[in-house]
């Protein structure tokens, strides 16, 4: 198999090698960042070591939660939905062989990224303590039972739920929960203002500082004996080391045995339960919301939303986007303008133009995620529309009518709240709103253009946009850089004169007005060009 893969799959090997190099780069970044952080915390005489241990516990606690969720998805894939399962289960293969071979696949698929990121964390901790020796290898070996424990927990959960729910429902539920967990982590880490770690003097009492870093701790939670064992290898001052190590290893062994027993007794019964019953909703709320539109437009809007609603991975990322938007606005709120050496008005103007660029990036990312894949989500049944007397122009215009209003509303809301904390000069406030409107119109048009350029209905939509999505974002960023540069060049002296309270010369006003007109006309020409080319792409689609 290895020889065949190396001979006939050269492109796949090159692609996976690129991913490997990328993860190695990220691992090196994680190592250097945590090494500097650990060294910085060790500089505090009283609480330094405690802070390092707390941070180490927090990192592995998050790893542990995500290992459970990753194992759940991998177990469902390899034990319930893999295409070769009917062939495997109808051959004279023992259930023990199926459990161990599939279990190894699950462990590798769900834990390889954890290994990539956990070894740099442990290495950074050892080097920060200055006690790097052979015990580092023992700490790395502890990662093996560490990945077995969440595998056992996930296996038991899937098998128990598999008796009453279908694997598809379980996978969708836990995929949604994992995304909600990521969203919660993003919001929590920003809301607690993690930069306070660098200023322990900002806490009134040391007790509050310790409670600020607390995570769930209990002797029976596997994280606790794992961290205690690593700390013992570096300090050698844990009198209950052998008890912690015994609890840790015995938990891994016990969960492995229990998982094997459950597989022997329940797996075939769970495998037969692969169809879920559908629930019927008597009242369609969406139909009432869109009842104000004509019947053709209403049916189209309902069809688009149902395409997104069918698969949780298509719509559940909205929560992650909302979390990133929260971080986006919250950063402007916490920006220390009073501690900046720059003049206040100059800093506010600089932040206004920076906000325009960040707004472009956020809106472009949302359009690539949802608008870019709009036609790809149609799938092979799109031939029905191509062969029916439905105008592609009408279909395209209705997609824009569905996506442009919410994107425009989001752009205006983001611009309003960010400007509320930036407090820019008067005319820049209105310039930023005009720019937001342009972005809200051109970003969906650009995404639909690249989304229809190389559409392939035989493949599922790439949630990250693929190469076309990257090009779409690069074009949007180039548009933003050119536009913001023209606005900055034409508005700088207007800003200076307005600060001094002097009426600006006429030629400066003409230059600023001319720049705005050029940007507006250029945007309209670009939109018309993209619309015409998108309609050509739709006419040339091959199924």
Protein backbone atom coordinates (compact mmCIF):
# COMPACT_ATOMS: atom_id res chain seq x y z
CA UNK A 1 0.00 0.00 0.00
CA UNK A 2 2.82 2.41 0.85
CA UNK A 3 4.62 1.63 -2.43
CA UNK A 4 1.42 2.16 -4.40
CA UNK A 5 0.77 5.49 -2.63
CA UNK A 6 4.27 6.80 -3.34
CA UNK A 7 4.05 5.72 -6.98
CA UNK A 8 0.56 6.89 -7.97
CA UNK A 9 -0.23 9.69 -5.54
CA UNK A 10 2.65 12.14 -5.92
CA UNK A 11 0.39 15.19 -5.81
CA UNK A 12 -1.23 14.04 -2.58
CA UNK A 13 2.19 13.45 -1.03
CA UNK A 14 3.31 16.95 -1.99
CA UNK A 15 0.10 18.43 -0.58
CA UNK A 16 0.39 16.56 2.71
CA UNK A 17 4.07 17.50 2.93
CA UNK A 18 3.06 21.15 2.60
CA UNK A 19 0.58 20.72 5.44
CA UNK A 20 3.27 19.03 7.50
CA UNK A 21 5.67 21.93 6.96
CA UNK A 22 2.93 24.36 7.89
CA UNK A 23 2.20 22.56 11.16
CA UNK A 24 5.90 22.41 11.94
CA UNK A 25 6.08 26.15 11.49
CA UNK A 26 3.07 26.64 13.79
CA UNK A 27 4.63 24.30 16.36
CA UNK A 28 7.82 26.36 16.36
CA UNK A 29 5.78 29.52 16.82
CA UNK A 30 3.89 27.94 19.76
CA UNK A 31 7.21 26.87 21.31
CA UNK A 32 8.86 30.30 21.12
CA UNK A 33 5.74 32.12 22.28
CA UNK A 34 5.17 29.88 25.32
CA UNK A 35 8.88 29.82 26.15
CA UNK A 36 8.89 33.62 26.36
CA UNK A 37 5.64 33.57 28.35
CA UNK A 38 6.93 30.99 30.84
CA UNK A 39 10.20 32.88 31.29
CA UNK A 40 8.26 36.09 31.84
CA UNK A 41 6.03 34.53 34.51
CA UNK A 42 9.03 32.98 36.26
CA UNK A 43 10.35 36.51 36.76
CA UNK A 44 7.70 37.03 39.47
CA UNK A 45 9.28 35.86 42.70
CA UNK A 46 6.21 34.78 44.67
CA UNK A 47 3.59 33.67 42.17
CA UNK A 48 5.74 33.01 39.08
CA UNK A 49 5.94 29.24 39.33
CA UNK A 50 2.30 28.99 40.30
CA UNK A 51 1.29 31.04 37.26
CA UNK A 52 3.29 28.79 34.93
CA UNK A 53 1.66 25.64 36.33
CA UNK A 54 -1.80 27.23 36.08
CA UNK A 55 -1.18 28.25 32.48
CA UNK A 56 0.11 24.76 31.66
CA UNK A 57 -2.99 23.23 33.24
CA UNK A 58 -5.27 25.57 31.29
CA UNK A 59 -3.61 24.65 27.98
CA UNK A 60 -3.93 20.90 28.51
CA UNK A 61 -7.46 21.25 29.87
CA UNK A 62 -8.49 22.88 26.57
CA UNK A 63 -6.57 20.17 24.66
CA UNK A 64 -8.43 17.49 26.62
CA UNK A 65 -11.89 18.90 25.80
CA UNK A 66 -11.09 19.18 22.12
CA UNK A 67 -9.63 15.67 22.06
CA UNK A 68 -12.98 14.32 23.28
CA UNK A 69 -14.90 16.19 20.58
CA UNK A 70 -12.41 15.20 17.89
CA UNK A 71 -12.59 11.54 18.92
CA UNK A 72 -16.39 11.61 18.75
CA UNK A 73 -16.32 12.75 15.12
CA UNK A 74 -13.59 10.25 14.19
CA UNK A 75 -15.37 7.33 15.92
CA UNK A 76 -18.59 8.06 14.04
CA UNK A 77 -16.64 8.26 10.78
CA UNK A 78 -14.60 5.05 11.15
CA UNK A 79 -17.14 2.88 13.01
CA UNK A 80 -20.46 3.97 11.48
CA UNK A 81 -20.26 5.95 8.23
CA UNK A 82 -17.16 4.61 6.43
CA UNK A 83 -18.01 3.25 2.98
CA UNK A 84 -16.07 0.00 3.43
CA UNK A 85 -17.89 -1.04 6.63
CA UNK A 86 -20.43 -3.34 4.88
CA UNK A 87 -17.53 -5.17 3.23
CA UNK A 88 -15.57 -5.43 6.51
CA UNK A 89 -18.48 -6.57 8.67
CA UNK A 90 -19.66 -9.24 6.21
CA UNK A 91 -16.24 -10.91 6.11
CA UNK A 92 -14.91 -13.42 8.68
CA UNK A 93 -13.19 -10.71 10.72
CA UNK A 94 -13.48 -10.75 14.50
CA UNK A 95 -14.94 -7.80 16.35
CA UNK A 96 -11.64 -7.49 18.25
CA UNK A 97 -9.76 -6.91 14.99
CA UNK A 98 -12.31 -4.32 13.89
CA UNK A 99 -12.06 -2.54 17.24
CA UNK A 100 -8.26 -2.37 17.35
CA UNK A 101 -7.67 -1.49 13.68
CA UNK A 102 -10.40 1.14 13.58
CA UNK A 103 -9.39 2.37 17.02
CA UNK A 104 -5.85 3.01 15.81
CA UNK A 105 -7.24 4.97 12.85
CA UNK A 106 -9.38 7.03 15.24
CA UNK A 107 -6.50 7.71 17.61
CA UNK A 108 -4.21 8.85 14.81
CA UNK A 109 -6.79 11.00 13.05
CA UNK A 110 -8.06 12.73 16.19
CA UNK A 111 -4.77 13.13 18.09
CA UNK A 112 -1.98 13.85 15.62
CA UNK A 113 -2.52 17.62 15.85
CA UNK A 114 -2.49 17.38 19.64
CA UNK A 115 0.92 15.68 19.52
CA UNK A 116 2.21 18.39 17.18
CA UNK A 117 1.19 21.14 19.60
CA UNK A 118 1.68 19.48 23.00
CA UNK A 119 5.36 18.52 22.57
CA UNK A 120 6.37 22.19 21.95
CA UNK A 121 4.38 23.15 25.07
CA UNK A 122 6.21 20.62 27.26
CA UNK A 123 9.56 21.53 25.68
CA UNK A 124 8.96 25.23 26.36
CA UNK A 125 8.11 24.42 29.99
CA UNK A 126 11.25 22.33 30.48
CA UNK A 127 13.55 24.94 28.94
CA UNK A 128 11.90 27.74 30.93
CA UNK A 129 12.53 25.86 34.18
CA UNK A 130 16.17 25.21 33.21
CA UNK A 131 15.87 21.49 34.01
CA UNK A 132 15.93 19.93 30.55
CA UNK A 133 17.12 16.30 30.84
CA UNK A 134 16.05 12.72 30.13
CA UNK A 135 12.80 13.24 32.05
CA UNK A 136 11.53 15.22 29.07
CA UNK A 137 11.18 11.93 27.19
CA UNK A 138 9.13 10.45 30.06
CA UNK A 139 6.84 13.48 29.95
CA UNK A 140 6.35 12.98 26.21
CA UNK A 141 5.53 9.30 26.80
CA UNK A 142 2.74 10.40 29.15
CA UNK A 143 1.00 11.86 26.11
CA UNK A 144 0.10 8.31 25.02
CA UNK A 145 -2.23 7.59 27.98
CA UNK A 146 -3.36 11.21 27.76
CA UNK A 147 -4.82 10.61 24.28
CA UNK A 148 -6.23 7.18 25.26
CA UNK A 149 -8.40 8.63 28.05
CA UNK A 150 -10.49 11.02 25.87
CA UNK A 151 -10.70 8.25 23.25
CA UNK A 152 -12.28 5.94 25.81
CA UNK A 153 -14.65 8.63 27.07
CA UNK A 154 -15.73 9.50 23.52
CA UNK A 155 -16.19 5.84 22.56
CA UNK A 156 -18.45 5.16 25.53
CA UNK A 157 -20.51 8.29 24.82
CA UNK A 158 -20.98 7.42 21.13
CA UNK A 159 -21.98 3.82 21.81
CA UNK A 160 -24.46 4.77 24.52
CA UNK A 161 -26.03 7.51 22.40
CA UNK A 162 -25.92 5.25 19.34
CA UNK A 163 -28.63 3.04 20.86
CA UNK A 164 -31.18 5.89 20.75
CA UNK A 165 -29.83 8.32 18.11
CA UNK A 166 -28.42 7.97 14.64
CA UNK A 167 -24.69 8.62 14.05
CA UNK A 168 -25.54 11.57 11.80
CA UNK A 169 -27.50 13.27 14.58
CA UNK A 170 -24.71 12.58 17.09
CA UNK A 171 -22.05 13.95 14.74
CA UNK A 172 -24.03 17.07 13.92
CA UNK A 173 -24.77 17.67 17.59
CA UNK A 174 -21.17 17.38 18.74
CA UNK A 175 -19.86 19.33 15.74
CA UNK A 176 -22.19 22.10 16.80
CA UNK A 177 -21.05 21.79 20.42
CA UNK A 178 -17.37 21.91 19.42
CA UNK A 179 -18.00 25.10 17.45
CA UNK A 180 -19.91 26.58 20.37
CA UNK A 181 -16.97 25.68 22.62
CA UNK A 182 -14.53 27.47 20.30
CA UNK A 183 -16.85 30.47 20.28
CA UNK A 184 -17.04 30.44 24.07
CA UNK A 185 -13.26 30.23 24.36
CA UNK A 186 -12.73 33.14 21.96
CA UNK A 187 -15.22 35.34 23.81
CA UNK A 188 -14.01 34.29 27.27
CA UNK A 189 -10.32 34.84 26.62
CA UNK A 190 -11.01 38.30 25.26
CA UNK A 191 -13.58 39.24 27.88
CA UNK A 192 -11.30 38.35 30.83
CA UNK A 193 -8.63 40.66 29.35
CA UNK A 194 -5.79 38.17 29.32
CA UNK A 195 -3.28 41.04 29.23
CA UNK A 196 -3.89 41.33 33.00
CA UNK A 197 -1.55 38.37 33.38
CA UNK A 198 1.30 40.78 32.73
CA UNK A 199 0.10 43.15 35.46
CA UNK A 200 -0.60 41.24 38.67
CA UNK A 201 -0.40 44.51 40.56
CA UNK A 202 -3.75 45.46 39.00
CA UNK A 203 -5.44 42.96 41.33
CA UNK A 204 -6.34 44.22 44.78
CA UNK A 205 -5.60 40.89 46.48
CA UNK A 206 -3.44 37.96 45.44
CA UNK A 207 -6.38 35.63 46.09
CA UNK A 208 -8.40 37.27 43.31
CA UNK A 209 -5.47 36.84 40.96
CA UNK A 210 -5.27 33.12 41.72
CA UNK A 211 -9.01 32.70 41.27
CA UNK A 212 -8.77 34.49 37.95
CA UNK A 213 -6.64 31.65 36.59
CA UNK A 214 -8.58 28.77 38.14
CA UNK A 215 -9.76 25.76 36.12
CA UNK A 216 -11.70 22.66 37.26
CA UNK A 217 -9.42 20.62 39.53
CA UNK A 218 -10.10 17.26 41.15
CA UNK A 219 -7.89 14.21 41.79
CA UNK A 220 -10.10 12.13 39.48
CA UNK A 221 -9.81 14.56 36.53
CA UNK A 222 -7.00 13.19 34.32
CA UNK A 223 -5.51 16.66 33.80
CA UNK A 224 -4.52 16.95 37.45
CA UNK A 225 -2.29 13.82 37.75
CA UNK A 226 -0.83 14.51 34.30
CA UNK A 227 0.30 18.02 35.26
CA UNK A 228 1.47 16.85 38.69
CA UNK A 229 3.61 14.18 37.03
CA UNK A 230 5.24 16.67 34.66
CA UNK A 231 5.91 19.06 37.54
CA UNK A 232 7.48 16.19 39.51
CA UNK A 233 9.85 15.41 36.63
CA UNK A 234 11.09 19.02 36.67
CA UNK A 235 11.11 19.64 40.44
CA UNK A 236 11.04 16.23 42.10
CA UNK A 237 8.98 17.54 45.05
CA UNK A 238 5.69 15.68 44.77
CA UNK A 239 5.23 13.16 47.63
CA UNK A 240 2.08 11.73 46.00
CA UNK A 241 3.74 11.22 42.61
CA UNK A 242 3.25 7.45 42.48
CA UNK A 243 -0.41 7.80 43.47
CA UNK A 244 -0.99 10.38 40.73
CA UNK A 245 0.85 8.25 38.20
CA UNK A 246 -1.12 5.16 39.22
CA UNK A 247 -4.44 6.98 38.90
CA UNK A 248 -3.45 8.37 35.52
CA UNK A 249 -2.26 5.10 33.97
CA UNK A 250 -5.03 2.98 35.51
CA UNK A 251 -7.66 5.38 34.17
CA UNK A 252 -6.28 4.97 30.64
CA UNK A 253 -6.18 1.17 30.95
CA UNK A 254 -9.66 0.95 32.51
CA UNK A 255 -11.27 3.10 29.84
CA UNK A 256 -9.61 1.00 27.12
CA UNK A 257 -11.01 -2.22 28.61
CA UNK A 258 -14.49 -0.74 29.11
CA UNK A 259 -14.47 0.55 25.53
CA UNK A 260 -13.58 -2.91 24.24
CA UNK A 261 -16.37 -4.56 26.24
CA UNK A 262 -18.94 -2.00 25.04
CA UNK A 263 -17.78 -2.54 21.46
CA UNK A 264 -18.21 -6.29 21.78
CA UNK A 265 -21.75 -6.08 23.17
CA UNK A 266 -23.27 -2.95 21.57
CA UNK A 267 -21.46 -2.15 18.34
CA UNK A 268 -23.58 -4.22 15.92
CA UNK A 269 -26.81 -3.03 17.54
CA UNK A 270 -25.63 0.59 17.21
CA UNK A 271 -24.50 0.07 13.62
CA UNK A 272 -27.96 -1.04 12.55
CA UNK A 273 -29.43 2.16 13.98
CA UNK A 274 -28.17 4.40 11.17
CA UNK A 275 -31.39 6.12 10.18
CA UNK A 276 -32.87 8.93 12.17
CA UNK A 277 -36.52 9.85 12.25
CA UNK A 278 -37.34 13.26 10.89
CA UNK A 279 -39.53 15.66 12.79
CA UNK A 280 -42.27 17.58 11.00
CA UNK A 281 -42.66 21.27 11.73
CA UNK A 282 -46.25 22.35 11.34
CA UNK A 283 -45.58 26.07 11.22
CA UNK A 284 -42.80 27.43 9.09
CA UNK A 285 -41.67 30.66 10.71
CA UNK A 286 -39.43 31.55 7.76
CA UNK A 287 -42.38 31.35 5.38
CA UNK A 288 -44.18 33.96 7.46
CA UNK A 289 -41.12 36.21 7.58
CA UNK A 290 -40.78 36.21 3.78
CA UNK A 291 -44.51 36.45 3.12
CA UNK A 292 -44.12 40.16 2.27
CA UNK A 293 -42.17 39.24 -0.91
CA UNK A 294 -43.68 37.99 -4.19
CA UNK A 295 -44.25 34.24 -4.37
CA UNK A 296 -41.27 33.53 -6.69
CA UNK A 297 -38.86 35.52 -4.53
CA UNK A 298 -40.29 34.00 -1.34
CA UNK A 299 -39.79 30.42 -2.58
CA UNK A 300 -36.25 31.23 -3.69
CA UNK A 301 -35.29 32.77 -0.33
CA UNK A 302 -36.73 29.77 1.55
CA UNK A 303 -34.80 27.39 -0.69
CA UNK A 304 -31.51 29.27 -0.07
CA UNK A 305 -31.95 29.27 3.70
CA UNK A 306 -32.90 25.58 3.75
CA UNK A 307 -29.71 24.77 1.80
CA UNK A 308 -27.73 26.31 4.65
CA UNK A 309 -29.96 24.84 7.35
CA UNK A 310 -29.64 21.22 6.21
CA UNK A 311 -25.99 20.93 7.21
CA UNK A 312 -24.91 22.34 10.61
CA UNK A 313 -21.36 22.90 9.40
CA UNK A 314 -22.77 25.46 6.94
CA UNK A 315 -24.66 27.63 9.42
CA UNK A 316 -23.19 26.87 12.85
CA UNK A 317 -20.06 28.86 12.01
CA UNK A 318 -22.21 31.95 12.41
CA UNK A 319 -21.54 31.68 16.15
CA UNK A 320 -17.79 31.70 15.59
CA UNK A 321 -18.14 34.72 13.30
CA UNK A 322 -20.18 36.50 15.99
CA UNK A 323 -17.42 35.74 18.50
CA UNK A 324 -14.78 37.20 16.19
CA UNK A 325 -16.98 40.27 15.67
CA UNK A 326 -17.22 40.64 19.44
CA UNK A 327 -13.42 40.53 19.70
CA UNK A 328 -13.17 43.01 16.81
CA UNK A 329 -15.34 45.63 18.55
CA UNK A 330 -14.06 44.86 22.05
CA UNK A 331 -10.47 45.54 21.01
CA UNK A 332 -11.39 49.09 19.99
CA UNK A 333 -13.13 49.56 23.32
CA UNK A 334 -10.04 48.51 25.28
CA UNK A 335 -7.55 50.37 23.11
CA UNK A 336 -5.45 52.57 25.49
CA UNK A 337 -5.67 55.87 23.61
CA UNK A 338 -4.72 57.81 26.73
CA UNK A 339 -1.37 56.01 26.94
CA UNK A 340 -0.38 56.52 23.30
CA UNK A 341 2.45 59.01 22.53
CA UNK A 342 0.63 60.12 19.34
CA UNK A 343 -1.67 63.19 19.35
CA UNK A 344 -5.27 62.23 20.05
CA UNK A 345 -6.79 63.55 16.80
CA UNK A 346 -4.05 61.96 14.69
CA UNK A 347 -4.48 58.64 16.51
CA UNK A 348 -8.25 58.71 16.06
CA UNK A 349 -7.85 59.37 12.33
CA UNK A 350 -5.29 56.59 12.02
CA UNK A 351 -7.60 54.16 13.84
CA UNK A 352 -10.49 55.17 11.57
CA UNK A 353 -8.59 54.18 8.43
CA UNK A 354 -7.31 51.03 10.14
CA UNK A 355 -10.91 50.22 11.04
CA UNK A 356 -11.84 50.47 7.34
CA UNK A 357 -9.20 47.88 6.46
CA UNK A 358 -10.25 45.52 9.26
CA UNK A 359 -13.90 45.93 8.28
CA UNK A 360 -13.00 44.93 4.72
CA UNK A 361 -11.26 41.80 5.99
CA UNK A 362 -14.21 40.77 8.20
CA UNK A 363 -16.85 41.34 5.49
CA UNK A 364 -14.71 39.57 2.88
CA UNK A 365 -14.25 36.55 5.15
CA UNK A 366 -18.01 36.32 5.76
CA UNK A 367 -18.74 36.58 2.02
CA UNK A 368 -16.19 33.88 1.21
CA UNK A 369 -17.75 31.60 3.81
CA UNK A 370 -21.40 32.04 2.83
CA UNK A 371 -21.80 33.90 -0.48
CA UNK A 372 -18.89 32.27 -2.32
CA UNK A 373 -20.32 28.77 -1.78
CA UNK A 374 -23.89 29.79 -2.63
CA UNK A 375 -23.98 28.17 -6.09
CA UNK A 376 -21.79 25.24 -4.99
CA UNK A 377 -24.44 24.32 -2.40
CA UNK A 378 -26.97 23.78 -5.19
CA UNK A 379 -25.24 20.49 -6.02
CA UNK A 380 -26.12 18.28 -8.96
CA UNK A 381 -29.87 19.11 -8.84
CA UNK A 382 -28.84 22.49 -10.28
CA UNK A 383 -29.43 20.94 -13.73
CA UNK A 384 -33.15 21.32 -13.05
CA UNK A 385 -32.74 25.11 -13.00
CA UNK A 386 -30.45 25.06 -16.03
CA UNK A 387 -32.97 23.07 -18.07
CA UNK A 388 -36.03 25.02 -16.86
CA UNK A 389 -37.33 28.34 -18.23
CA UNK A 390 -35.69 30.26 -15.37
CA UNK A 391 -33.48 33.22 -16.20
CA UNK A 392 -29.98 32.97 -14.73
CA UNK A 393 -30.02 36.75 -14.36
CA UNK A 394 -33.14 36.51 -12.20
CA UNK A 395 -31.53 33.79 -10.09
CA UNK A 396 -28.36 35.85 -9.67
CA UNK A 397 -30.24 39.05 -8.75
CA UNK A 398 -32.29 37.20 -6.13
CA UNK A 399 -29.15 35.79 -4.55
CA UNK A 400 -27.79 39.32 -4.26
CA UNK A 401 -31.14 40.47 -2.82
CA UNK A 402 -30.83 37.78 -0.14
CA UNK A 403 -27.18 38.31 0.83
CA UNK A 404 -26.54 42.05 0.39
CA UNK A 405 -29.04 43.41 3.01
CA UNK A 406 -27.71 41.38 5.99
CA UNK A 407 -24.09 42.08 4.98
CA UNK A 408 -24.88 45.79 4.64
CA UNK A 409 -26.56 45.79 8.04
CA UNK A 410 -23.58 43.99 9.60
CA UNK A 411 -21.09 46.42 8.02
CA UNK A 412 -23.02 49.45 9.29
CA UNK A 413 -23.35 47.99 12.80
CA UNK A 414 -19.64 47.15 13.01
CA UNK A 415 -18.69 50.59 11.71
CA UNK A 416 -21.05 52.30 14.15
CA UNK A 417 -19.80 50.53 17.28
CA UNK A 418 -16.11 50.75 16.33
CA UNK A 419 -16.45 54.47 15.55
CA UNK A 420 -18.27 54.92 18.84
CA UNK A 421 -15.09 53.88 20.68
CA UNK A 422 -12.66 55.49 18.20
CA UNK A 423 -14.50 58.88 18.13
CA UNK A 424 -13.08 60.03 14.75
CA UNK A 425 -13.33 63.59 13.41
CA UNK A 426 -16.70 64.53 11.93
CA UNK A 427 -16.16 64.17 8.20
CA UNK A 428 -14.15 60.92 8.62
CA UNK A 429 -17.13 59.50 10.49
CA UNK A 430 -19.31 59.90 7.38
CA UNK A 431 -16.51 58.79 5.04
CA UNK A 432 -16.21 55.51 6.96
CA UNK A 433 -19.96 54.92 6.66
CA UNK A 434 -19.85 55.55 2.91
CA UNK A 435 -16.94 53.13 2.60
CA UNK A 436 -18.89 50.49 4.57
CA UNK A 437 -21.78 50.75 2.10
CA UNK A 438 -19.43 50.27 -0.87
CA UNK A 439 -17.82 47.22 0.76
CA UNK A 440 -21.21 45.68 1.55
CA UNK A 441 -22.17 45.86 -2.15
CA UNK A 442 -18.92 44.92 -3.86
CA UNK A 443 -17.90 42.02 -1.57
CA UNK A 444 -20.93 39.75 -2.37
CA UNK A 445 -20.64 40.56 -6.10
CA UNK A 446 -16.95 39.66 -6.08
CA UNK A 447 -17.58 36.45 -4.10
CA UNK A 448 -20.28 35.28 -6.50
CA UNK A 449 -18.00 36.00 -9.45
CA UNK A 450 -15.17 33.81 -8.14
CA UNK A 451 -17.68 31.29 -6.75
CA UNK A 452 -19.07 30.65 -10.25
CA UNK A 453 -15.76 30.83 -12.09
CA UNK A 454 -14.69 27.22 -11.44
CA UNK A 455 -17.77 25.75 -9.77
CA UNK A 456 -17.83 21.94 -9.58
CA UNK A 457 -21.14 20.39 -8.52
CA UNK A 458 -19.60 16.92 -8.23
CA UNK A 459 -17.71 17.96 -5.06
CA UNK A 460 -19.05 19.26 -1.75
CA UNK A 461 -18.46 22.96 -1.08
CA UNK A 462 -15.18 23.85 0.58
CA UNK A 463 -16.12 25.66 3.83
CA UNK A 464 -12.94 27.74 3.58
CA UNK A 465 -13.43 28.79 -0.03
CA UNK A 466 -10.41 27.04 -1.50
CA UNK A 467 -8.11 28.76 -3.96
CA UNK A 468 -10.91 30.88 -5.45
CA UNK A 469 -11.89 32.14 -2.01
CA UNK A 470 -8.31 33.15 -1.28
CA UNK A 471 -8.12 35.04 -4.59
CA UNK A 472 -11.45 36.72 -3.80
CA UNK A 473 -10.15 37.96 -0.46
CA UNK A 474 -6.88 39.14 -2.01
CA UNK A 475 -8.78 41.17 -4.61
CA UNK A 476 -10.94 42.70 -1.88
CA UNK A 477 -7.87 43.58 0.19
CA UNK A 478 -6.23 45.16 -2.89
CA UNK A 479 -9.40 47.18 -3.50
CA UNK A 480 -9.40 48.31 0.14
CA UNK A 481 -5.74 49.34 0.06
CA UNK A 482 -6.19 51.43 -3.10
CA UNK A 483 -9.40 53.03 -1.84
CA UNK A 484 -8.06 53.81 1.64
CA UNK A 485 -4.83 55.20 0.17
CA UNK A 486 -6.82 57.58 -2.07
CA UNK A 487 -9.02 58.68 0.84
CA UNK A 488 -6.00 59.22 3.08
CA UNK A 489 -4.15 61.24 0.44
CA UNK A 490 -7.14 63.47 -0.29
CA UNK A 491 -8.38 63.95 3.30
CA UNK A 492 -5.13 64.54 5.20
CA UNK A 493 -4.95 68.31 4.72
CA UNK A 494 -8.69 68.65 5.22
CA UNK A 495 -8.18 67.01 8.57
CA UNK A 496 -5.33 69.37 9.47
CA UNK A 497 -7.37 72.45 8.59
CA UNK A 498 -10.42 71.18 10.47
CA UNK A 499 -8.29 70.59 13.58
CA UNK A 500 -7.02 74.16 13.44
CA UNK A 501 -10.52 75.52 12.84
CA UNK A 502 -9.59 77.03 9.46
CA UNK A 503 -11.74 76.84 6.34
CA UNK A 504 -9.79 74.61 3.89
CA UNK A 505 -8.82 75.95 0.45
CA UNK A 506 -11.11 75.18 -2.45
CA UNK A 507 -8.59 72.98 -4.27
CA UNK A 508 -8.32 70.63 -1.28
CA UNK A 509 -12.09 70.25 -1.16
CA UNK A 510 -12.16 69.62 -4.91
CA UNK A 511 -9.38 67.01 -4.55
CA UNK A 512 -11.25 65.17 -1.81
CA UNK A 513 -14.56 65.33 -3.72
CA UNK A 514 -12.84 64.15 -6.90
CA UNK A 515 -11.29 61.19 -5.07
CA UNK A 516 -14.67 60.16 -3.67
CA UNK A 517 -16.27 60.44 -7.11
CA UNK A 518 -13.47 58.39 -8.71
CA UNK A 519 -13.82 55.70 -6.04
CA UNK A 520 -17.60 55.60 -6.47
CA UNK A 521 -17.49 55.44 -10.28
CA UNK A 522 -14.67 52.87 -10.20
CA UNK A 523 -16.68 50.70 -7.81
CA UNK A 524 -19.78 50.90 -10.01
CA UNK A 525 -17.74 49.94 -13.11
CA UNK A 526 -16.16 47.06 -11.20
CA UNK A 527 -19.56 45.81 -10.01
CA UNK A 528 -21.04 45.98 -13.53
CA UNK A 529 -18.05 44.09 -14.94
CA UNK A 530 -18.30 41.39 -12.26
CA UNK A 531 -22.06 41.02 -12.78
CA UNK A 532 -21.64 40.57 -16.55
CA UNK A 533 -18.84 38.03 -16.12
CA UNK A 534 -20.78 36.12 -13.45
CA UNK A 535 -23.77 35.77 -15.77
CA UNK A 536 -21.42 34.41 -18.45
CA UNK A 537 -20.02 31.92 -15.94
CA UNK A 538 -23.54 30.75 -15.09
CA UNK A 539 -24.39 30.22 -18.75
CA UNK A 540 -21.23 28.14 -19.28
CA UNK A 541 -21.68 25.83 -16.28
CA UNK A 542 -21.26 22.15 -17.11
CA UNK A 543 -22.64 19.42 -14.87
